[in-house]
PDB file of N, CA and C in Angstrom:
ATOM      1  N   MET A   1     127.798 141.014  69.929  1.00  0.00           N
ATOM      2  CA  MET A   1     128.236 140.654  71.273  1.00  0.00           C
ATOM      3  C   MET A   1     129.763 140.629  71.397  1.00  0.00           C
ATOM      4  N   LYS A   2     130.449 141.260  70.465  1.00  0.00           N
ATOM      5  CA  LYS A   2     131.906 141.295  70.516  1.00  0.00           C
ATOM      6  C   LYS A   2     132.385 141.924  71.827  1.00  0.00           C
ATOM      7  N   HIS A   3     131.683 142.940  72.292  1.00  0.00           N
ATOM      8  CA  HIS A   3     132.028 143.635  73.532  1.00  0.00           C
ATOM      9  C   HIS A   3     132.021 142.667  74.717  1.00  0.00           C
ATOM     10  N   ILE A   4     131.009 141.824  74.803  1.00  0.00           N
ATOM     11  CA  ILE A   4     130.891 140.853  75.893  1.00  0.00           C
ATOM     12  C   ILE A   4     132.033 139.841  75.827  1.00  0.00           C
ATOM     13  N   GLU A   5     132.329 139.358  74.643  1.00  0.00           N
ATOM     14  CA  GLU A   5     133.425 138.388  74.482  1.00  0.00           C
ATOM     15  C   GLU A   5     134.762 139.009  74.875  1.00  0.00           C
ATOM     16  N   GLU A   6     134.946 140.257  74.517  1.00  0.00           N
ATOM     17  CA  GLU A   6     136.174 140.980  74.880  1.00  0.00           C
ATOM     18  C   GLU A   6     136.307 141.074  76.406  1.00  0.00           C
ATOM     19  N   LEU A   7     135.214 141.423  77.077  1.00  0.00           N
ATOM     20  CA  LEU A   7     135.242 141.508  78.539  1.00  0.00           C
ATOM     21  C   LEU A   7     135.484 140.138  79.164  1.00  0.00           C
ATOM     22  N   LYS A   8     134.893 139.095  78.601  1.00  0.00           N
ATOM     23  CA  LYS A   8     135.118 137.742  79.125  1.00  0.00           C
ATOM     24  C   LYS A   8     136.594 137.367  79.027  1.00  0.00           C
ATOM     25  N   ASP A   9     137.247 137.742  77.932  1.00  0.00           N
ATOM     26  CA  ASP A   9     138.683 137.466  77.776  1.00  0.00           C
ATOM     27  C   ASP A   9     139.497 138.211  78.824  1.00  0.00           C
ATOM     28  N   VAL A  10     139.153 139.473  79.062  1.00  0.00           N
ATOM     29  CA  VAL A  10     139.861 140.268  80.074  1.00  0.00           C
ATOM     30  C   VAL A  10     139.670 139.643  81.455  1.00  0.00           C
ATOM     31  N   ILE A  11     138.447 139.257  81.778  1.00  0.00           N
ATOM     32  CA  ILE A  11     138.161 138.633  83.078  1.00  0.00           C
ATOM     33  C   ILE A  11     138.975 137.348  83.229  1.00  0.00           C
ATOM     34  N   ARG A  12     139.021 136.526  82.194  1.00  0.00           N
ATOM     35  CA  ARG A  12     139.783 135.271  82.231  1.00  0.00           C
ATOM     36  C   ARG A  12     141.263 135.553  82.509  1.00  0.00           C
ATOM     37  N   LYS A  13     141.815 136.555  81.847  1.00  0.00           N
ATOM     38  CA  LYS A  13     143.235 136.886  82.029  1.00  0.00           C
ATOM     39  C   LYS A  13     143.528 137.472  83.405  1.00  0.00           C
ATOM     40  N   LEU A  14     142.668 138.380  83.871  1.00  0.00           N
ATOM     41  CA  LEU A  14     142.919 139.057  85.138  1.00  0.00           C
ATOM     42  C   LEU A  14     142.574 138.225  86.364  1.00  0.00           C
ATOM     43  N   HIS A  15     141.521 137.414  86.266  1.00  0.00           N
ATOM     44  CA  HIS A  15     141.004 136.728  87.453  1.00  0.00           C
ATOM     45  C   HIS A  15     141.095 135.207  87.386  1.00  0.00           C
ATOM     46  N   SER A  16     141.653 134.677  86.295  1.00  0.00           N
ATOM     47  CA  SER A  16     141.833 133.226  86.128  1.00  0.00           C
ATOM     48  C   SER A  16     140.547 132.447  86.387  1.00  0.00           C
ATOM     49  N   ALA A  17     139.453 132.945  85.842  1.00  0.00           N
ATOM     50  CA  ALA A  17     138.161 132.290  86.006  1.00  0.00           C
ATOM     51  C   ALA A  17     137.333 132.464  84.735  1.00  0.00           C
ATOM     52  N   GLU A  18     136.444 131.519  84.502  1.00  0.00           N
ATOM     53  CA  GLU A  18     135.560 131.598  83.346  1.00  0.00           C
ATOM     54  C   GLU A  18     134.325 132.422  83.702  1.00  0.00           C
ATOM     55  N   ALA A  19     133.909 133.272  82.774  1.00  0.00           N
ATOM     56  CA  ALA A  19     132.786 134.175  83.014  1.00  0.00           C
ATOM     57  C   ALA A  19     131.635 133.882  82.062  1.00  0.00           C
ATOM     58  N   THR A  20     130.419 133.957  82.598  1.00  0.00           N
ATOM     59  CA  THR A  20     129.200 133.845  81.803  1.00  0.00           C
ATOM     60  C   THR A  20     128.402 135.123  82.015  1.00  0.00           C
ATOM     61  N   HIS A  21     128.026 135.754  80.909  1.00  0.00           N
ATOM     62  CA  HIS A  21     127.287 137.021  80.997  1.00  0.00           C
ATOM     63  C   HIS A  21     125.911 136.786  81.604  1.00  0.00           C
ATOM     64  N   VAL A  22     125.535 137.623  82.582  1.00  0.00           N
ATOM     65  CA  VAL A  22     124.255 137.511  83.266  1.00  0.00           C
ATOM     66  C   VAL A  22     123.301 138.611  82.814  1.00  0.00           C
ATOM     67  N   GLU A  23     123.775 139.866  82.859  1.00  0.00           N
ATOM     68  CA  GLU A  23     122.906 140.984  82.496  1.00  0.00           C
ATOM     69  C   GLU A  23     123.718 142.237  82.235  1.00  0.00           C
ATOM     70  N   SER A  24     123.066 143.214  81.604  1.00  0.00           N
ATOM     71  CA  SER A  24     123.628 144.542  81.364  1.00  0.00           C
ATOM     72  C   SER A  24     122.798 145.531  82.175  1.00  0.00           C
ATOM     73  N   VAL A  25     123.491 146.319  83.022  1.00  0.00           N
ATOM     74  CA  VAL A  25     122.783 147.226  83.930  1.00  0.00           C
ATOM     75  C   VAL A  25     123.192 148.672  83.636  1.00  0.00           C
ATOM     76  N   PRO A  26     122.240 149.517  83.221  1.00  0.00           N
ATOM     77  CA  PRO A  26     122.575 150.933  83.011  1.00  0.00           C
ATOM     78  C   PRO A  26     122.753 151.629  84.361  1.00  0.00           C
ATOM     79  N   ILE A  27     123.839 152.395  84.476  1.00  0.00           N
ATOM     80  CA  ILE A  27     124.147 153.112  85.718  1.00  0.00           C
ATOM     81  C   ILE A  27     124.431 154.568  85.369  1.00  0.00           C
ATOM     82  N   LYS A  28     123.843 155.465  86.145  1.00  0.00           N
ATOM     83  CA  LYS A  28     124.148 156.892  86.025  1.00  0.00           C
ATOM     84  C   LYS A  28     124.499 157.367  87.430  1.00  0.00           C
ATOM     85  N   GLU A  29     125.745 157.751  87.608  1.00  0.00           N
ATOM     86  CA  GLU A  29     126.226 158.179  88.925  1.00  0.00           C
ATOM     87  C   GLU A  29     126.420 159.688  88.911  1.00  0.00           C
ATOM     88  N   GLN A  30     125.798 160.353  89.889  1.00  0.00           N
ATOM     89  CA  GLN A  30     125.895 161.805  89.975  1.00  0.00           C
ATOM     90  C   GLN A  30     126.539 162.214  91.294  1.00  0.00           C
ATOM     91  N   PHE A  31     127.212 163.348  91.259  1.00  0.00           N
ATOM     92  CA  PHE A  31     127.823 163.922  92.453  1.00  0.00           C
ATOM     93  C   PHE A  31     127.601 165.422  92.403  1.00  0.00           C
ATOM     94  N   GLN A  32     126.975 165.955  93.426  1.00  0.00           N
ATOM     95  CA  GLN A  32     126.659 167.377  93.523  1.00  0.00           C
ATOM     96  C   GLN A  32     125.952 167.884  92.265  1.00  0.00           C
ATOM     97  N   GLY A  33     124.993 167.090  91.792  1.00  0.00           N
ATOM     98  CA  GLY A  33     124.179 167.489  90.652  1.00  0.00           C
ATOM     99  C   GLY A  33     124.819 167.289  89.293  1.00  0.00           C
ATOM    100  N   GLN A  34     126.061 166.827  89.259  1.00  0.00           N
ATOM    101  CA  GLN A  34     126.763 166.600  87.992  1.00  0.00           C
ATOM    102  C   GLN A  34     126.885 165.100  87.720  1.00  0.00           C
ATOM    103  N   THR A  35     126.699 164.707  86.475  1.00  0.00           N
ATOM    104  CA  THR A  35     126.886 163.308  86.102  1.00  0.00           C
ATOM    105  C   THR A  35     128.388 163.034  86.021  1.00  0.00           C
ATOM    106  N   VAL A  36     128.848 162.072  86.819  1.00  0.00           N
ATOM    107  CA  VAL A  36     130.274 161.727  86.813  1.00  0.00           C
ATOM    108  C   VAL A  36     130.518 160.401  86.102  1.00  0.00           C
ATOM    109  N   TRP A  37     129.459 159.636  85.877  1.00  0.00           N
ATOM    110  CA  TRP A  37     129.590 158.368  85.155  1.00  0.00           C
ATOM    111  C   TRP A  37     128.231 157.996  84.607  1.00  0.00           C
ATOM    112  N   ASP A  38     128.186 157.595  83.348  1.00  0.00           N
ATOM    113  CA  ASP A  38     126.937 157.193  82.718  1.00  0.00           C
ATOM    114  C   ASP A  38     127.279 156.100  81.715  1.00  0.00           C
ATOM    115  N   GLY A  39     126.871 154.886  82.008  1.00  0.00           N
ATOM    116  CA  GLY A  39     127.215 153.789  81.104  1.00  0.00           C
ATOM    117  C   GLY A  39     126.532 152.492  81.498  1.00  0.00           C
ATOM    118  N   ILE A  40     126.989 151.418  80.874  1.00  0.00           N
ATOM    119  CA  ILE A  40     126.427 150.089  81.098  1.00  0.00           C
ATOM    120  C   ILE A  40     127.465 149.236  81.808  1.00  0.00           C
ATOM    121  N   VAL A  41     127.053 148.629  82.920  1.00  0.00           N
ATOM    122  CA  VAL A  41     127.898 147.680  83.640  1.00  0.00           C
ATOM    123  C   VAL A  41     127.437 146.282  83.249  1.00  0.00           C
ATOM    124  N   GLU A  42     128.385 145.479  82.796  1.00  0.00           N
ATOM    125  CA  GLU A  42     128.080 144.087  82.454  1.00  0.00           C
ATOM    126  C   GLU A  42     128.320 143.236  83.693  1.00  0.00           C
ATOM    127  N   VAL A  43     127.351 142.398  84.018  1.00  0.00           N
ATOM    128  CA  VAL A  43     127.448 141.522  85.181  1.00  0.00           C
ATOM    129  C   VAL A  43     127.718 140.110  84.668  1.00  0.00           C
ATOM    130  N   PHE A  44     128.720 139.466  85.263  1.00  0.00           N
ATOM    131  CA  PHE A  44     129.108 138.111  84.863  1.00  0.00           C
ATOM    132  C   PHE A  44     129.099 137.174  86.058  1.00  0.00           C
ATOM    133  N   HIS A  45     128.732 135.927  85.810  1.00  0.00           N
ATOM    134  CA  HIS A  45     128.877 134.861  86.792  1.00  0.00           C
ATOM    135  C   HIS A  45     130.282 134.278  86.592  1.00  0.00           C
ATOM    136  N   LEU A  46     131.004 134.051  87.677  1.00  0.00           N
ATOM    137  CA  LEU A  46     132.353 133.491  87.608  1.00  0.00           C
ATOM    138  C   LEU A  46     132.362 132.039  88.043  1.00  0.00           C
ATOM    139  N   ARG A  47     133.128 131.222  87.337  1.00  0.00           N
ATOM    140  CA  ARG A  47     133.365 129.841  87.728  1.00  0.00           C
ATOM    141  C   ARG A  47     134.856 129.667  87.986  1.00  0.00           C
ATOM    142  N   GLY A  48     135.184 129.185  89.177  1.00  0.00           N
ATOM    143  CA  GLY A  48     136.574 128.885  89.474  1.00  0.00           C
ATOM    144  C   GLY A  48     137.331 129.971  90.209  1.00  0.00           C
ATOM    145  N   HIS A  49     136.649 131.004  90.656  1.00  0.00           N
ATOM    146  CA  HIS A  49     137.338 132.041  91.428  1.00  0.00           C
ATOM    147  C   HIS A  49     137.218 131.704  92.916  1.00  0.00           C
ATOM    148  N   PRO A  50     138.320 131.846  93.684  1.00  0.00           N
ATOM    149  CA  PRO A  50     138.288 131.437  95.092  1.00  0.00           C
ATOM    150  C   PRO A  50     137.494 132.352  96.027  1.00  0.00           C
ATOM    151  N   LYS A  51     137.237 133.602  95.635  1.00  0.00           N
ATOM    152  CA  LYS A  51     136.595 134.556  96.551  1.00  0.00           C
ATOM    153  C   LYS A  51     135.149 134.898  96.219  1.00  0.00           C
ATOM    154  N   THR A  52     134.760 134.750  94.968  1.00  0.00           N
ATOM    155  CA  THR A  52     133.415 135.198  94.581  1.00  0.00           C
ATOM    156  C   THR A  52     132.942 134.469  93.334  1.00  0.00           C
ATOM    157  N   ASP A  53     131.652 134.558  93.081  1.00  0.00           N
ATOM    158  CA  ASP A  53     131.100 133.962  91.861  1.00  0.00           C
ATOM    159  C   ASP A  53     130.509 135.020  90.928  1.00  0.00           C
ATOM    160  N   ARG A  54     130.888 136.303  91.167  1.00  0.00           N
ATOM    161  CA  ARG A  54     130.340 137.388  90.353  1.00  0.00           C
ATOM    162  C   ARG A  54     131.396 138.463  90.134  1.00  0.00           C
ATOM    163  N   VAL A  55     131.344 139.087  88.966  1.00  0.00           N
ATOM    164  CA  VAL A  55     132.246 140.197  88.650  1.00  0.00           C
ATOM    165  C   VAL A  55     131.486 141.200  87.797  1.00  0.00           C
ATOM    166  N   TYR A  56     131.839 142.482  87.970  1.00  0.00           N
ATOM    167  CA  TYR A  56     131.260 143.582  87.195  1.00  0.00           C
ATOM    168  C   TYR A  56     132.336 144.091  86.248  1.00  0.00           C
ATOM    169  N   ALA A  57     131.948 144.405  85.014  1.00  0.00           N
ATOM    170  CA  ALA A  57     132.950 144.822  84.036  1.00  0.00           C
ATOM    171  C   ALA A  57     132.375 145.808  83.030  1.00  0.00           C
ATOM    172  N   TRP A  58     133.272 146.664  82.515  1.00  0.00           N
ATOM    173  CA  TRP A  58     132.922 147.589  81.444  1.00  0.00           C
ATOM    174  C   TRP A  58     134.211 148.076  80.819  1.00  0.00           C
ATOM    175  N   SER A  59     134.067 148.784  79.735  1.00  0.00           N
ATOM    176  CA  SER A  59     135.234 149.399  79.095  1.00  0.00           C
ATOM    177  C   SER A  59     134.851 150.801  78.668  1.00  0.00           C
ATOM    178  N   HIS A  60     135.872 151.629  78.479  1.00  0.00           N
ATOM    179  CA  HIS A  60     135.627 152.990  77.988  1.00  0.00           C
ATOM    180  C   HIS A  60     136.826 153.462  77.195  1.00  0.00           C
ATOM    181  N   GLU A  61     136.568 154.421  76.330  1.00  0.00           N
ATOM    182  CA  GLU A  61     137.615 155.008  75.496  1.00  0.00           C
ATOM    183  C   GLU A  61     138.521 155.877  76.364  1.00  0.00           C
ATOM    184  N   THR A  62     139.784 155.995  75.961  1.00  0.00           N
ATOM    185  CA  THR A  62     140.734 156.856  76.664  1.00  0.00           C
ATOM    186  C   THR A  62     141.285 157.900  75.695  1.00  0.00           C
ATOM    187  N   ASP A  63     142.040 158.834  76.233  1.00  0.00           N
ATOM    188  CA  ASP A  63     142.697 159.842  75.404  1.00  0.00           C
ATOM    189  C   ASP A  63     144.098 159.397  74.992  1.00  0.00           C
ATOM    190  N   ASN A  64     144.483 158.189  75.355  1.00  0.00           N
ATOM    191  CA  ASN A  64     145.816 157.678  75.077  1.00  0.00           C
ATOM    192  C   ASN A  64     145.806 156.866  73.781  1.00  0.00           C
ATOM    193  N   PRO A  65     146.482 157.358  72.720  1.00  0.00           N
ATOM    194  CA  PRO A  65     146.481 156.621  71.450  1.00  0.00           C
ATOM    195  C   PRO A  65     147.185 155.259  71.555  1.00  0.00           C
ATOM    196  N   GLN A  66     148.073 155.102  72.545  1.00  0.00           N
ATOM    197  CA  GLN A  66     148.754 153.817  72.736  1.00  0.00           C
ATOM    198  C   GLN A  66     147.810 152.768  73.329  1.00  0.00           C
ATOM    199  N   LYS A  67     146.870 153.235  74.164  1.00  0.00           N
ATOM    200  CA  LYS A  67     145.861 152.356  74.776  1.00  0.00           C
ATOM    201  C   LYS A  67     144.510 153.049  74.659  1.00  0.00           C
ATOM    202  N   PRO A  68     143.874 152.950  73.483  1.00  0.00           N
ATOM    203  CA  PRO A  68     142.637 153.702  73.251  1.00  0.00           C
ATOM    204  C   PRO A  68     141.429 153.210  74.056  1.00  0.00           C
ATOM    205  N   LYS A  69     141.525 152.015  74.654  1.00  0.00           N
ATOM    206  CA  LYS A  69     140.403 151.485  75.424  1.00  0.00           C
ATOM    207  C   LYS A  69     140.899 150.960  76.766  1.00  0.00           C
ATOM    208  N   LYS A  70     140.139 151.265  77.822  1.00  0.00           N
ATOM    209  CA  LYS A  70     140.462 150.767  79.154  1.00  0.00           C
ATOM    210  C   LYS A  70     139.347 149.823  79.593  1.00  0.00           C
ATOM    211  N   HIS A  71     139.740 148.656  80.114  1.00  0.00           N
ATOM    212  CA  HIS A  71     138.785 147.693  80.651  1.00  0.00           C
ATOM    213  C   HIS A  71     138.815 147.775  82.164  1.00  0.00           C
ATOM    214  N   VAL A  72     137.641 147.725  82.770  1.00  0.00           N
ATOM    215  CA  VAL A  72     137.514 147.764  84.221  1.00  0.00           C
ATOM    216  C   VAL A  72     136.783 146.500  84.656  1.00  0.00           C
ATOM    217  N   THR A  73     137.372 145.783  85.615  1.00  0.00           N
ATOM    218  CA  THR A  73     136.701 144.624  86.207  1.00  0.00           C
ATOM    219  C   THR A  73     136.776 144.760  87.721  1.00  0.00           C
ATOM    220  N   ILE A  74     135.657 144.548  88.376  1.00  0.00           N
ATOM    221  CA  ILE A  74     135.605 144.667  89.833  1.00  0.00           C
ATOM    222  C   ILE A  74     134.854 143.466  90.388  1.00  0.00           C
ATOM    223  N   LEU A  75     135.533 142.739  91.257  1.00  0.00           N
ATOM    224  CA  LEU A  75     134.940 141.554  91.854  1.00  0.00           C
ATOM    225  C   LEU A  75     133.819 141.904  92.827  1.00  0.00           C
ATOM    226  N   HIS A  76     132.833 141.040  92.893  1.00  0.00           N
ATOM    227  CA  HIS A  76     131.707 141.167  93.829  1.00  0.00           C
ATOM    228  C   HIS A  76     132.203 140.655  95.196  1.00  0.00           C
ATOM    229  N   VAL A  77     132.871 141.550  95.920  1.00  0.00           N
ATOM    230  CA  VAL A  77     133.402 141.251  97.250  1.00  0.00           C
ATOM    231  C   VAL A  77     133.082 142.463  98.123  1.00  0.00           C
ATOM    232  N   HIS A  78     132.527 142.217  99.307  1.00  0.00           N
ATOM    233  CA  HIS A  78     132.116 143.306 100.202  1.00  0.00           C
ATOM    234  C   HIS A  78     133.214 144.358 100.318  1.00  0.00           C
ATOM    235  N   PRO A  79     132.925 145.630 100.151  1.00  0.00           N
ATOM    236  CA  PRO A  79     131.621 146.281 100.112  1.00  0.00           C
ATOM    237  C   PRO A  79     131.021 146.422  98.708  1.00  0.00           C
ATOM    238  N   VAL A  80     131.691 145.897  97.697  1.00  0.00           N
ATOM    239  CA  VAL A  80     131.159 146.000  96.331  1.00  0.00           C
ATOM    240  C   VAL A  80     130.203 144.829  96.099  1.00  0.00           C
ATOM    241  N   THR A  81     128.909 145.112  96.237  1.00  0.00           N
ATOM    242  CA  THR A  81     127.912 144.053  96.128  1.00  0.00           C
ATOM    243  C   THR A  81     126.810 144.371  95.116  1.00  0.00           C
ATOM    244  N   SER A  82     127.094 145.331  94.215  1.00  0.00           N
ATOM    245  CA  SER A  82     126.124 145.680  93.176  1.00  0.00           C
ATOM    246  C   SER A  82     126.861 146.396  92.045  1.00  0.00           C
ATOM    247  N   PRO A  83     126.235 146.468  90.877  1.00  0.00           N
ATOM    248  CA  PRO A  83     126.847 147.231  89.781  1.00  0.00           C
ATOM    249  C   PRO A  83     127.092 148.692  90.169  1.00  0.00           C
ATOM    250  N   GLN A  84     126.146 149.302  90.880  1.00  0.00           N
ATOM    251  CA  GLN A  84     126.288 150.702  91.313  1.00  0.00           C
ATOM    252  C   GLN A  84     127.502 150.858  92.235  1.00  0.00           C
ATOM    253  N   ALA A  85     127.667 149.928  93.170  1.00  0.00           N
ATOM    254  CA  ALA A  85     128.807 149.986  94.091  1.00  0.00           C
ATOM    255  C   ALA A  85     130.124 149.785  93.336  1.00  0.00           C
ATOM    256  N   ALA A  86     130.107 148.973  92.279  1.00  0.00           N
ATOM    257  CA  ALA A  86     131.317 148.765  91.467  1.00  0.00           C
ATOM    258  C   ALA A  86     131.727 150.065  90.783  1.00  0.00           C
ATOM    259  N   VAL A  87     130.749 150.778  90.234  1.00  0.00           N
ATOM    260  CA  VAL A  87     131.044 152.063  89.587  1.00  0.00           C
ATOM    261  C   VAL A  87     131.596 153.050  90.610  1.00  0.00           C
ATOM    262  N   ARG A  88     130.977 153.122  91.770  1.00  0.00           N
ATOM    263  CA  ARG A  88     131.466 154.032  92.812  1.00  0.00           C
ATOM    264  C   ARG A  88     132.887 153.690  93.231  1.00  0.00           C
ATOM    265  N   ALA A  89     133.178 152.403  93.384  1.00  0.00           N
ATOM    266  CA  ALA A  89     134.537 151.984  93.762  1.00  0.00           C
ATOM    267  C   ALA A  89     135.546 152.379  92.685  1.00  0.00           C
ATOM    268  N   ALA A  90     135.172 152.233  91.430  1.00  0.00           N
ATOM    269  CA  ALA A  90     136.070 152.603  90.328  1.00  0.00           C
ATOM    270  C   ALA A  90     136.310 154.110  90.300  1.00  0.00           C
ATOM    271  N   ILE A  91     135.251 154.888  90.541  1.00  0.00           N
ATOM    272  CA  ILE A  91     135.390 156.350  90.568  1.00  0.00           C
ATOM    273  C   ILE A  91     136.338 156.763  91.691  1.00  0.00           C
ATOM    274  N   ILE A  92     136.158 156.186  92.859  1.00  0.00           N
ATOM    275  CA  ILE A  92     137.021 156.508  94.003  1.00  0.00           C
ATOM    276  C   ILE A  92     138.470 156.137  93.706  1.00  0.00           C
ATOM    277  N   GLN A  93     138.687 154.950  93.125  1.00  0.00           N
ATOM    278  CA  GLN A  93     140.047 154.518  92.808  1.00  0.00           C
ATOM    279  C   GLN A  93     140.691 155.434  91.774  1.00  0.00           C
ATOM    280  N   GLU A  94     139.941 155.815  90.768  1.00  0.00           N
ATOM    281  CA  GLU A  94     140.463 156.711  89.735  1.00  0.00           C
ATOM    282  C   GLU A  94     140.826 158.067  90.333  1.00  0.00           C
ATOM    283  N   TYR A  95     139.979 158.563  91.229  1.00  0.00           N
ATOM    284  CA  TYR A  95     140.245 159.837  91.906  1.00  0.00           C
ATOM    285  C   TYR A  95     141.523 159.740  92.740  1.00  0.00           C
ATOM    286  N   ARG A  96     141.666 158.657  93.480  1.00  0.00           N
ATOM    287  CA  ARG A  96     142.877 158.468  94.308  1.00  0.00           C
ATOM    288  C   ARG A  96     144.127 158.370  93.451  1.00  0.00           C
ATOM    289  N   ASN A  97     144.029 157.693  92.319  1.00  0.00           N
ATOM    290  CA  ASN A  97     145.181 157.563  91.427  1.00  0.00           C
ATOM    291  C   ASN A  97     145.564 158.909  90.798  1.00  0.00           C
ATOM    292  N   ALA A  98     144.595 159.808  90.666  1.00  0.00           N
ATOM    293  CA  ALA A  98     144.840 161.104  90.030  1.00  0.00           C
ATOM    294  C   ALA A  98     145.368 162.141  91.010  1.00  0.00           C
ATOM    295  N   GLU A  99     145.214 161.890  92.331  1.00  0.00           N
ATOM    296  CA  GLU A  99     145.669 162.849  93.329  1.00  0.00           C
ATOM    297  C   GLU A  99     147.194 162.927  93.331  1.00  0.00           C
ATOM    298  N   PRO A 100     147.751 164.141  93.445  1.00  0.00           N
ATOM    299  CA  PRO A 100     149.204 164.249  93.548  1.00  0.00           C
ATOM    300  C   PRO A 100     149.665 163.691  94.905  1.00  0.00           C
ATOM    301  N   ALA A 101     150.831 163.078  94.909  1.00  0.00           N
ATOM    302  CA  ALA A 101     151.374 162.525  96.147  1.00  0.00           C
ATOM    303  C   ALA A 101     151.733 163.640  97.112  1.00  0.00           C
ATOM    304  N   GLU A 102     151.470 163.386  98.392  1.00  0.00           N
ATOM    305  CA  GLU A 102     151.826 164.388  99.420  1.00  0.00           C
ATOM    306  C   GLU A 102     153.342 164.370  99.617  1.00  0.00           C
ATOM    307  N   SER A 103     153.893 165.558  99.864  1.00  0.00           N
ATOM    308  CA  SER A 103     155.341 165.609 100.085  1.00  0.00           C
ATOM    309  C   SER A 103     155.679 165.824 101.521  1.00  0.00           C
TER     310      SER A 103
END
């Protein structure tokens, strides 16, 4: 359960709240017949957060040797109200961050 403890530490640092693991949800997100995300979303109950009592979290390997692992945490706040919606929000954010700026 080292992975869960690691995510709990990240949640505590980023959201200033204590997390209790609730469940692990497998998610496979496809777009135009291609798998764009396939993994496990960890669902946590939050204590002490002013906006929500739930957060979704996962981590994945990166190609950056300086930061070989990236942690993702997404609060359960409308419109993100499920593990699937959290993955979709992360995909959209990553896509937006990768787009070149308009000149």
